[in-house]
PDB file of N, CA and C in Angstrom:
ATOM      1  N   MET A   1      75.084  95.253 103.407  1.00  0.00           N
ATOM      2  CA  MET A   1      75.841  96.434 103.076  1.00  0.00           C
ATOM      3  C   MET A   1      76.392  96.930 104.373  1.00  0.00           C
ATOM      4  N   GLU A   2      77.613  97.299 104.435  1.00  0.00           N
ATOM      5  CA  GLU A   2      78.288  97.883 105.566  1.00  0.00           C
ATOM      6  C   GLU A   2      78.469  99.418 105.273  1.00  0.00           C
ATOM      7  N   PHE A   3      78.106 100.282 106.268  1.00  0.00           N
ATOM      8  CA  PHE A   3      78.305 101.576 106.179  1.00  0.00           C
ATOM      9  C   PHE A   3      79.292 102.064 107.250  1.00  0.00           C
ATOM     10  N   ILE A   4      80.252 102.950 106.829  1.00  0.00           N
ATOM     11  CA  ILE A   4      81.170 103.631 107.637  1.00  0.00           C
ATOM     12  C   ILE A   4      80.898 105.081 107.497  1.00  0.00           C
ATOM     13  N   LYS A   5      80.325 105.717 108.487  1.00  0.00           N
ATOM     14  CA  LYS A   5      79.820 107.095 108.400  1.00  0.00           C
ATOM     15  C   LYS A   5      80.999 108.039 108.667  1.00  0.00           C
ATOM     16  N   ALA A   6      81.057 109.238 107.911  1.00  0.00           N
ATOM     17  CA  ALA A   6      82.024 110.164 108.139  1.00  0.00           C
ATOM     18  C   ALA A   6      82.010 110.666 109.519  1.00  0.00           C
ATOM     19  N   THR A   7      83.188 110.961 110.092  1.00  0.00           N
ATOM     20  CA  THR A   7      83.367 111.382 111.501  1.00  0.00           C
ATOM     21  C   THR A   7      83.857 112.826 111.604  1.00  0.00           C
ATOM     22  N   SER A   8      84.153 113.407 110.438  1.00  0.00           N
ATOM     23  CA  SER A   8      84.794 114.717 110.375  1.00  0.00           C
ATOM     24  C   SER A   8      84.283 115.493 109.182  1.00  0.00           C
ATOM     25  N   ASP A   9      84.277 116.810 109.380  1.00  0.00           N
ATOM     26  CA  ASP A   9      83.942 117.659 108.193  1.00  0.00           C
ATOM     27  C   ASP A   9      85.278 118.214 107.471  1.00  0.00           C
ATOM     28  N   THR A  10      86.385 117.936 108.129  1.00  0.00           N
ATOM     29  CA  THR A  10      87.577 118.440 107.629  1.00  0.00           C
ATOM     30  C   THR A  10      88.212 117.476 106.521  1.00  0.00           C
ATOM     31  N   VAL A  11      88.394 118.016 105.266  1.00  0.00           N
ATOM     32  CA  VAL A  11      88.955 117.219 104.201  1.00  0.00           C
ATOM     33  C   VAL A  11      90.388 117.264 104.381  1.00  0.00           C
ATOM     34  N   ALA A  12      91.008 116.218 105.021  1.00  0.00           N
ATOM     35  CA  ALA A  12      92.255 115.989 105.203  1.00  0.00           C
ATOM     36  C   ALA A  12      92.641 114.540 105.419  1.00  0.00           C
ATOM     37  N   CYS A  13      93.804 114.193 105.049  1.00  0.00           N
ATOM     38  CA  CYS A  13      94.324 112.783 105.226  1.00  0.00           C
ATOM     39  C   CYS A  13      95.361 112.735 106.426  1.00  0.00           C
ATOM     40  N   THR A  14      95.295 111.841 107.241  1.00  0.00           N
ATOM     41  CA  THR A  14      96.253 111.701 108.413  1.00  0.00           C
ATOM     42  C   THR A  14      97.447 110.731 108.214  1.00  0.00           C
ATOM     43  N   LEU A  15      97.492 110.266 106.990  1.00  0.00           N
ATOM     44  CA  LEU A  15      98.606 109.342 106.686  1.00  0.00           C
ATOM     45  C   LEU A  15      99.905 110.001 106.616  1.00  0.00           C
ATOM     46  N   THR A  16     101.076 109.400 106.913  1.00  0.00           N
ATOM     47  CA  THR A  16     102.379 109.988 106.549  1.00  0.00           C
ATOM     48  C   THR A  16     102.600 109.955 105.015  1.00  0.00           C
ATOM     49  N   ALA A  17     103.610 110.610 104.565  1.00  0.00           N
ATOM     50  CA  ALA A  17     103.793 110.539 103.078  1.00  0.00           C
ATOM     51  C   ALA A  17     104.137 109.150 102.637  1.00  0.00           C
ATOM     52  N   ASP A  18     104.884 108.403 103.442  1.00  0.00           N
ATOM     53  CA  ASP A  18     105.220 107.064 102.998  1.00  0.00           C
ATOM     54  C   ASP A  18     103.960 106.173 103.101  1.00  0.00           C
ATOM     55  N   GLU A  19     103.191 106.198 104.120  1.00  0.00           N
ATOM     56  CA  GLU A  19     101.852 105.530 104.096  1.00  0.00           C
ATOM     57  C   GLU A  19     101.001 105.864 103.023  1.00  0.00           C
ATOM     58  N   HIS A  20     100.889 107.124 102.677  1.00  0.00           N
ATOM     59  CA  HIS A  20     100.077 107.537 101.510  1.00  0.00           C
ATOM     60  C   HIS A  20     100.538 106.927 100.236  1.00  0.00           C
ATOM     61  N   ASP A  21     101.854 106.891 100.052  1.00  0.00           N
ATOM     62  CA  ASP A  21     102.324 106.327  98.816  1.00  0.00           C
ATOM     63  C   ASP A  21     102.073 104.906  98.774  1.00  0.00           C
ATOM     64  N   GLN A  22     102.135 104.077  99.923  1.00  0.00           N
ATOM     65  CA  GLN A  22     101.883 102.690  99.949  1.00  0.00           C
ATOM     66  C   GLN A  22     100.441 102.375  99.673  1.00  0.00           C
ATOM     67  N   VAL A  23      99.517 103.117 100.314  1.00  0.00           N
ATOM     68  CA  VAL A  23      98.039 102.978 100.037  1.00  0.00           C
ATOM     69  C   VAL A  23      97.768 103.313  98.658  1.00  0.00           C
ATOM     70  N   ARG A  24      98.222 104.451  98.134  1.00  0.00           N
ATOM     71  CA  ARG A  24      97.984 104.755  96.790  1.00  0.00           C
ATOM     72  C   ARG A  24      98.402 103.642  95.835  1.00  0.00           C
ATOM     73  N   ALA A  25      99.611 103.105  96.041  1.00  0.00           N
ATOM     74  CA  ALA A  25     100.037 102.031  95.173  1.00  0.00           C
ATOM     75  C   ALA A  25      99.097 100.831  95.226  1.00  0.00           C
ATOM     76  N   ALA A  26      98.629 100.603  96.400  1.00  0.00           N
ATOM     77  CA  ALA A  26      97.747  99.438  96.588  1.00  0.00           C
ATOM     78  C   ALA A  26      96.355  99.653  95.830  1.00  0.00           C
ATOM     79  N   TRP A  27      95.905 100.898  95.922  1.00  0.00           N
ATOM     80  CA  TRP A  27      94.591 101.237  95.120  1.00  0.00           C
ATOM     81  C   TRP A  27      94.911 101.031  93.652  1.00  0.00           C
ATOM     82  N   GLN A  28      96.165 101.547  93.112  1.00  0.00           N
ATOM     83  CA  GLN A  28      96.420 101.537  91.728  1.00  0.00           C
ATOM     84  C   GLN A  28      96.604 100.028  91.269  1.00  0.00           C
ATOM     85  N   ALA A  29      97.170  99.135  92.073  1.00  0.00           N
ATOM     86  CA  ALA A  29      97.147  97.759  91.793  1.00  0.00           C
ATOM     87  C   ALA A  29      95.815  97.148  91.678  1.00  0.00           C
ATOM     88  N   LEU A  30      94.998  97.555  92.650  1.00  0.00           N
ATOM     89  CA  LEU A  30      93.550  97.045  92.589  1.00  0.00           C
ATOM     90  C   LEU A  30      92.862  97.512  91.375  1.00  0.00           C
ATOM     91  N   PHE A  31      93.041  98.796  91.006  1.00  0.00           N
ATOM     92  CA  PHE A  31      92.438  99.333  89.810  1.00  0.00           C
ATOM     93  C   PHE A  31      92.873  98.571  88.621  1.00  0.00           C
ATOM     94  N   ARG A  32      94.187  98.335  88.482  1.00  0.00           N
ATOM     95  CA  ARG A  32      94.701  97.613  87.290  1.00  0.00           C
ATOM     96  C   ARG A  32      94.157  96.172  87.225  1.00  0.00           C
ATOM     97  N   SER A  33      94.061  95.558  88.371  1.00  0.00           N
ATOM     98  CA  SER A  33      93.758  93.997  88.319  1.00  0.00           C
ATOM     99  C   SER A  33      92.246  93.765  88.380  1.00  0.00           C
ATOM    100  N   ALA A  34      91.441  94.649  88.942  1.00  0.00           N
ATOM    101  CA  ALA A  34      90.042  94.197  89.213  1.00  0.00           C
ATOM    102  C   ALA A  34      88.932  95.278  88.969  1.00  0.00           C
ATOM    103  N   LEU A  35      89.277  96.577  88.567  1.00  0.00           N
ATOM    104  CA  LEU A  35      88.256  97.553  88.461  1.00  0.00           C
ATOM    105  C   LEU A  35      87.442  97.159  87.252  1.00  0.00           C
ATOM    106  N   ILE A  36      86.055  97.075  87.476  1.00  0.00           N
ATOM    107  CA  ILE A  36      85.099  96.909  86.448  1.00  0.00           C
ATOM    108  C   ILE A  36      84.496  98.251  85.968  1.00  0.00           C
ATOM    109  N   ALA A  37      84.151  99.077  86.991  1.00  0.00           N
ATOM    110  CA  ALA A  37      83.461 100.324  86.592  1.00  0.00           C
ATOM    111  C   ALA A  37      83.681 101.387  87.685  1.00  0.00           C
ATOM    112  N   ARG A  38      83.711 102.587  87.180  1.00  0.00           N
ATOM    113  CA  ARG A  38      83.855 103.760  88.043  1.00  0.00           C
ATOM    114  C   ARG A  38      82.734 104.766  87.569  1.00  0.00           C
ATOM    115  N   ALA A  39      81.922 105.146  88.549  1.00  0.00           N
ATOM    116  CA  ALA A  39      80.806 105.985  88.191  1.00  0.00           C
ATOM    117  C   ALA A  39      80.565 107.165  89.221  1.00  0.00           C
ATOM    118  N   ASP A  40      80.389 108.365  88.660  1.00  0.00           N
ATOM    119  CA  ASP A  40      80.031 109.452  89.547  1.00  0.00           C
ATOM    120  C   ASP A  40      78.608 109.155  90.134  1.00  0.00           C
ATOM    121  N   VAL A  41      78.428 109.473  91.411  1.00  0.00           N
ATOM    122  CA  VAL A  41      77.099 109.451  92.134  1.00  0.00           C
ATOM    123  C   VAL A  41      76.952 110.736  92.828  1.00  0.00           C
ATOM    124  N   ALA A  42      75.828 110.975  93.313  1.00  0.00           N
ATOM    125  CA  ALA A  42      75.597 112.260  94.139  1.00  0.00           C
ATOM    126  C   ALA A  42      76.504 112.157  95.404  1.00  0.00           C
ATOM    127  N   GLY A  43      77.326 113.159  95.506  1.00  0.00           N
ATOM    128  CA  GLY A  43      78.286 113.193  96.629  1.00  0.00           C
ATOM    129  C   GLY A  43      79.609 112.585  96.434  1.00  0.00           C
ATOM    130  N   GLY A  44      79.774 111.805  95.350  1.00  0.00           N
ATOM    131  CA  GLY A  44      81.026 111.222  95.156  1.00  0.00           C
ATOM    132  C   GLY A  44      81.156 110.174  94.082  1.00  0.00           C
ATOM    133  N   ILE A  45      81.690 108.985  94.289  1.00  0.00           N
ATOM    134  CA  ILE A  45      81.779 107.919  93.345  1.00  0.00           C
ATOM    135  C   ILE A  45      81.325 106.590  93.820  1.00  0.00           C
ATOM    136  N   ARG A  46      81.220 105.687  92.800  1.00  0.00           N
ATOM    137  CA  ARG A  46      81.012 104.268  93.027  1.00  0.00           C
ATOM    138  C   ARG A  46      81.954 103.496  92.266  1.00  0.00           C
ATOM    139  N   LEU A  47      82.723 102.623  92.874  1.00  0.00           N
ATOM    140  CA  LEU A  47      83.712 101.719  92.273  1.00  0.00           C
ATOM    141  C   LEU A  47      83.185 100.292  92.326  1.00  0.00           C
ATOM    142  N   THR A  48      83.217  99.674  91.228  1.00  0.00           N
ATOM    143  CA  THR A  48      82.786  98.249  91.104  1.00  0.00           C
ATOM    144  C   THR A  48      84.027  97.432  90.748  1.00  0.00           C
ATOM    145  N   PHE A  49      84.288  96.451  91.630  1.00  0.00           N
ATOM    146  CA  PHE A  49      85.501  95.513  91.363  1.00  0.00           C
ATOM    147  C   PHE A  49      85.099  94.114  91.057  1.00  0.00           C
ATOM    148  N   ALA A  50      85.894  93.261  90.514  1.00  0.00           N
ATOM    149  CA  ALA A  50      85.623  91.899  90.342  1.00  0.00           C
ATOM    150  C   ALA A  50      85.461  91.217  91.721  1.00  0.00           C
ATOM    151  N   PRO A  51      84.516  90.343  91.783  1.00  0.00           N
ATOM    152  CA  PRO A  51      84.175  89.643  93.061  1.00  0.00           C
ATOM    153  C   PRO A  51      85.421  89.239  93.781  1.00  0.00           C
ATOM    154  N   ALA A  52      86.453  88.620  93.178  1.00  0.00           N
ATOM    155  CA  ALA A  52      87.645  88.153  93.904  1.00  0.00           C
ATOM    156  C   ALA A  52      88.441  89.241  94.548  1.00  0.00           C
ATOM    157  N   ALA A  53      88.110  90.543  94.300  1.00  0.00           N
ATOM    158  CA  ALA A  53      88.792  91.652  94.814  1.00  0.00           C
ATOM    159  C   ALA A  53      88.235  92.144  96.217  1.00  0.00           C
ATOM    160  N   LYS A  54      87.086  91.497  96.674  1.00  0.00           N
ATOM    161  CA  LYS A  54      86.492  92.102  97.797  1.00  0.00           C
ATOM    162  C   LYS A  54      87.279  92.188  99.117  1.00  0.00           C
ATOM    163  N   THR A  55      88.085  91.184  99.312  1.00  0.00           N
ATOM    164  CA  THR A  55      88.942  91.186 100.513  1.00  0.00           C
ATOM    165  C   THR A  55      89.922  92.339 100.614  1.00  0.00           C
ATOM    166  N   GLU A  56      90.585  92.584  99.397  1.00  0.00           N
ATOM    167  CA  GLU A  56      91.520  93.690  99.256  1.00  0.00           C
ATOM    168  C   GLU A  56      90.775  94.941  99.321  1.00  0.00           C
ATOM    169  N   LEU A  57      89.606  95.081  98.711  1.00  0.00           N
ATOM    170  CA  LEU A  57      88.829  96.278  98.796  1.00  0.00           C
ATOM    171  C   LEU A  57      88.446  96.598 100.208  1.00  0.00           C
ATOM    172  N   LYS A  58      88.061  95.605 100.909  1.00  0.00           N
ATOM    173  CA  LYS A  58      87.713  95.802 102.345  1.00  0.00           C
ATOM    174  C   LYS A  58      88.942  96.292 103.191  1.00  0.00           C
ATOM    175  N   ARG A  59      90.050  95.729 102.929  1.00  0.00           N
ATOM    176  CA  ARG A  59      91.295  96.084 103.646  1.00  0.00           C
ATOM    177  C   ARG A  59      91.612  97.593 103.321  1.00  0.00           C
ATOM    178  N   LEU A  60      91.416  97.975 102.093  1.00  0.00           N
ATOM    179  CA  LEU A  60      91.726  99.345 101.745  1.00  0.00           C
ATOM    180  C   LEU A  60      90.719 100.361 102.361  1.00  0.00           C
ATOM    181  N   ILE A  61      89.470  99.951 102.416  1.00  0.00           N
ATOM    182  CA  ILE A  61      88.401 100.784 102.944  1.00  0.00           C
ATOM    183  C   ILE A  61      88.579 101.029 104.484  1.00  0.00           C
ATOM    184  N   VAL A  62      89.066  99.951 105.149  1.00  0.00           N
ATOM    185  CA  VAL A  62      89.276 100.054 106.570  1.00  0.00           C
ATOM    186  C   VAL A  62      90.454 101.116 106.806  1.00  0.00           C
ATOM    187  N   ILE A  63      91.457 101.058 105.973  1.00  0.00           N
ATOM    188  CA  ILE A  63      92.598 102.113 105.994  1.00  0.00           C
ATOM    189  C   ILE A  63      92.014 103.438 105.710  1.00  0.00           C
ATOM    190  N   GLU A  64      91.317 103.632 104.729  1.00  0.00           N
ATOM    191  CA  GLU A  64      90.737 104.888 104.333  1.00  0.00           C
ATOM    192  C   GLU A  64      89.788 105.530 105.298  1.00  0.00           C
ATOM    193  N   SER A  65      89.015 104.612 105.897  1.00  0.00           N
ATOM    194  CA  SER A  65      88.067 105.115 106.924  1.00  0.00           C
ATOM    195  C   SER A  65      88.777 105.749 108.121  1.00  0.00           C
ATOM    196  N   GLU A  66      89.974 105.142 108.451  1.00  0.00           N
ATOM    197  CA  GLU A  66      90.700 105.656 109.518  1.00  0.00           C
ATOM    198  C   GLU A  66      91.473 106.975 109.245  1.00  0.00           C
ATOM    199  N   CYS A  67      91.932 107.189 107.998  1.00  0.00           N
ATOM    200  CA  CYS A  67      92.737 108.343 107.686  1.00  0.00           C
ATOM    201  C   CYS A  67      91.994 109.438 107.030  1.00  0.00           C
ATOM    202  N   CYS A  68      90.805 109.117 106.478  1.00  0.00           N
ATOM    203  CA  CYS A  68      89.958 110.092 105.734  1.00  0.00           C
ATOM    204  C   CYS A  68      88.606 110.089 106.407  1.00  0.00           C
ATOM    205  N   GLY A  69      88.545 110.569 107.557  1.00  0.00           N
ATOM    206  CA  GLY A  69      87.247 110.521 108.369  1.00  0.00           C
ATOM    207  C   GLY A  69      86.178 111.309 107.808  1.00  0.00           C
ATOM    208  N   TRP A  70      86.395 112.107 106.783  1.00  0.00           N
ATOM    209  CA  TRP A  70      85.416 112.943 106.079  1.00  0.00           C
ATOM    210  C   TRP A  70      84.602 112.263 105.072  1.00  0.00           C
ATOM    211  N   VAL A  71      85.016 111.017 104.738  1.00  0.00           N
ATOM    212  CA  VAL A  71      84.252 110.199 103.657  1.00  0.00           C
ATOM    213  C   VAL A  71      83.274 109.226 104.323  1.00  0.00           C
ATOM    214  N   THR A  72      82.143 109.037 103.720  1.00  0.00           N
ATOM    215  CA  THR A  72      81.250 108.056 104.197  1.00  0.00           C
ATOM    216  C   THR A  72      81.315 107.004 103.174  1.00  0.00           C
ATOM    217  N   PHE A  73      81.625 105.763 103.584  1.00  0.00           N
ATOM    218  CA  PHE A  73      81.779 104.432 102.768  1.00  0.00           C
ATOM    219  C   PHE A  73      80.564 103.629 102.843  1.00  0.00           C
ATOM    220  N   ALA A  74      80.035 103.060 101.802  1.00  0.00           N
ATOM    221  CA  ALA A  74      79.037 102.058 101.692  1.00  0.00           C
ATOM    222  C   ALA A  74      79.674 100.903 100.958  1.00  0.00           C
ATOM    223  N   LEU A  75      79.975  99.820 101.713  1.00  0.00           N
ATOM    224  CA  LEU A  75      80.617  98.674 101.001  1.00  0.00           C
ATOM    225  C   LEU A  75      79.655  97.502 100.919  1.00  0.00           C
ATOM    226  N   ASP A  76      79.591  97.043  99.669  1.00  0.00           N
ATOM    227  CA  ASP A  76      78.527  95.871  99.401  1.00  0.00           C
ATOM    228  C   ASP A  76      79.384  94.892  98.590  1.00  0.00           C
ATOM    229  N   GLY A  77      80.133  94.033  99.218  1.00  0.00           N
ATOM    230  CA  GLY A  77      80.986  93.053  98.498  1.00  0.00           C
ATOM    231  C   GLY A  77      82.015  93.729  97.797  1.00  0.00           C
ATOM    232  N   PRO A  78      82.140  93.580  96.523  1.00  0.00           N
ATOM    233  CA  PRO A  78      83.132  94.215  95.652  1.00  0.00           C
ATOM    234  C   PRO A  78      82.765  95.537  95.104  1.00  0.00           C
ATOM    235  N   ILE A  79      81.843  96.236  95.794  1.00  0.00           N
ATOM    236  CA  ILE A  79      81.365  97.527  95.286  1.00  0.00           C
ATOM    237  C   ILE A  79      81.329  98.552  96.525  1.00  0.00           C
ATOM    238  N   VAL A  80      82.072  99.643  96.189  1.00  0.00           N
ATOM    239  CA  VAL A  80      82.133 100.680  97.261  1.00  0.00           C
ATOM    240  C   VAL A  80      81.560 101.976  96.697  1.00  0.00           C
ATOM    241  N   THR A  81      80.707 102.601  97.515  1.00  0.00           N
ATOM    242  CA  THR A  81      80.277 104.005  97.196  1.00  0.00           C
ATOM    243  C   THR A  81      80.926 104.999  98.357  1.00  0.00           C
ATOM    244  N   MET A  82      81.583 105.990  97.826  1.00  0.00           N
ATOM    245  CA  MET A  82      82.253 106.955  98.686  1.00  0.00           C
ATOM    246  C   MET A  82      81.646 108.266  98.413  1.00  0.00           C
ATOM    247  N   THR A  83      81.205 108.838  99.549  1.00  0.00           N
ATOM    248  CA  THR A  83      80.467 110.255  99.382  1.00  0.00           C
ATOM    249  C   THR A  83      80.950 111.137 100.478  1.00  0.00           C
ATOM    250  N   ALA A  84      80.731 112.412 100.241  1.00  0.00           N
ATOM    251  CA  ALA A  84      81.130 113.493 101.274  1.00  0.00           C
ATOM    252  C   ALA A  84      80.447 114.717 100.795  1.00  0.00           C
ATOM    253  N   ASP A  85      80.395 115.566 101.831  1.00  0.00           N
ATOM    254  CA  ASP A  85      79.684 116.901 101.636  1.00  0.00           C
ATOM    255  C   ASP A  85      80.693 117.979 100.971  1.00  0.00           C
ATOM    256  N   GLY A  86      80.070 119.028 100.369  1.00  0.00           N
ATOM    257  CA  GLY A  86      80.900 120.063  99.891  1.00  0.00           C
ATOM    258  C   GLY A  86      82.091 119.792  99.129  1.00  0.00           C
ATOM    259  N   ILE A  87      83.235 120.435  99.459  1.00  0.00           N
ATOM    260  CA  ILE A  87      84.451 120.123  98.709  1.00  0.00           C
ATOM    261  C   ILE A  87      84.880 118.694  98.756  1.00  0.00           C
ATOM    262  N   GLY A  88      84.418 117.997  99.699  1.00  0.00           N
ATOM    263  CA  GLY A  88      84.840 116.593  99.916  1.00  0.00           C
ATOM    264  C   GLY A  88      84.290 115.783  98.679  1.00  0.00           C
ATOM    265  N   GLU A  89      83.257 116.164  98.104  1.00  0.00           N
ATOM    266  CA  GLU A  89      82.753 115.355  96.836  1.00  0.00           C
ATOM    267  C   GLU A  89      83.747 115.524  95.749  1.00  0.00           C
ATOM    268  N   GLN A  90      84.271 116.753  95.553  1.00  0.00           N
ATOM    269  CA  GLN A  90      85.338 116.942  94.395  1.00  0.00           C
ATOM    270  C   GLN A  90      86.632 116.206  94.808  1.00  0.00           C
ATOM    271  N   ALA A  91      86.927 116.184  96.072  1.00  0.00           N
ATOM    272  CA  ALA A  91      88.171 115.568  96.481  1.00  0.00           C
ATOM    273  C   ALA A  91      88.157 114.012  96.220  1.00  0.00           C
ATOM    274  N   ILE A  92      86.985 113.471  96.628  1.00  0.00           N
ATOM    275  CA  ILE A  92      86.827 111.903  96.324  1.00  0.00           C
ATOM    276  C   ILE A  92      87.004 111.692  94.849  1.00  0.00           C
ATOM    277  N   ARG A  93      86.384 112.509  93.936  1.00  0.00           N
ATOM    278  CA  ARG A  93      86.419 112.258  92.567  1.00  0.00           C
ATOM    279  C   ARG A  93      87.865 112.410  92.002  1.00  0.00           C
ATOM    280  N   ALA A  94      88.692 113.206  92.693  1.00  0.00           N
ATOM    281  CA  ALA A  94      90.011 113.489  92.200  1.00  0.00           C
ATOM    282  C   ALA A  94      91.039 112.504  92.772  1.00  0.00           C
ATOM    283  N   MET A  95      90.736 112.015  93.974  1.00  0.00           N
ATOM    284  CA  MET A  95      91.613 110.982  94.594  1.00  0.00           C
ATOM    285  C   MET A  95      91.580 109.597  94.027  1.00  0.00           C
ATOM    286  N   TRP A  96      90.476 109.076  93.876  1.00  0.00           N
ATOM    287  CA  TRP A  96      90.295 107.661  93.498  1.00  0.00           C
ATOM    288  C   TRP A  96      90.117 107.586  91.934  1.00  0.00           C
ATOM    289  N   VAL A  97      91.233 107.797  91.259  1.00  0.00           N
ATOM    290  CA  VAL A  97      91.269 107.800  89.779  1.00  0.00           C
ATOM    291  C   VAL A  97      92.366 106.749  89.420  1.00  0.00           C
ATOM    292  N   PRO A  98      92.051 105.822  88.472  1.00  0.00           N
ATOM    293  CA  PRO A  98      93.069 104.962  88.035  1.00  0.00           C
ATOM    294  C   PRO A  98      93.982 105.708  87.164  1.00  0.00           C
ATOM    295  N   GLU A  99      95.357 105.348  87.329  1.00  0.00           N
ATOM    296  CA  GLU A  99      96.367 105.965  86.504  1.00  0.00           C
ATOM    297  C   GLU A  99      96.433 105.308  85.247  1.00  0.00           C
ATOM    298  N   LYS A 100      96.859 105.954  84.193  1.00  0.00           N
ATOM    299  CA  LYS A 100      96.923 105.456  82.870  1.00  0.00           C
ATOM    300  C   LYS A 100      98.206 104.810  82.630  1.00  0.00           C
TER     301      LYS A 100
END
């Protein structure tokens, strides 16, 4: 399992608007093609994807860890657990939601 610890307490994203739109679109594509389960956990969420999605998941987690330093990521193959303290927990649950 790979851990990327939070480096900030400030709940903010450093992506530009265009970068944010691109990353959001990539998450939504991954949700549509490979999401198996989404579960609330203490401090955030756990997302489980099909095994074939682990490379794309890792790519997105690298991006997220750079722009959202307030999130701690635990990556285990095609499964990621994202957690944060305080209002960060609610932000995580609101941000990583598959669109209908």
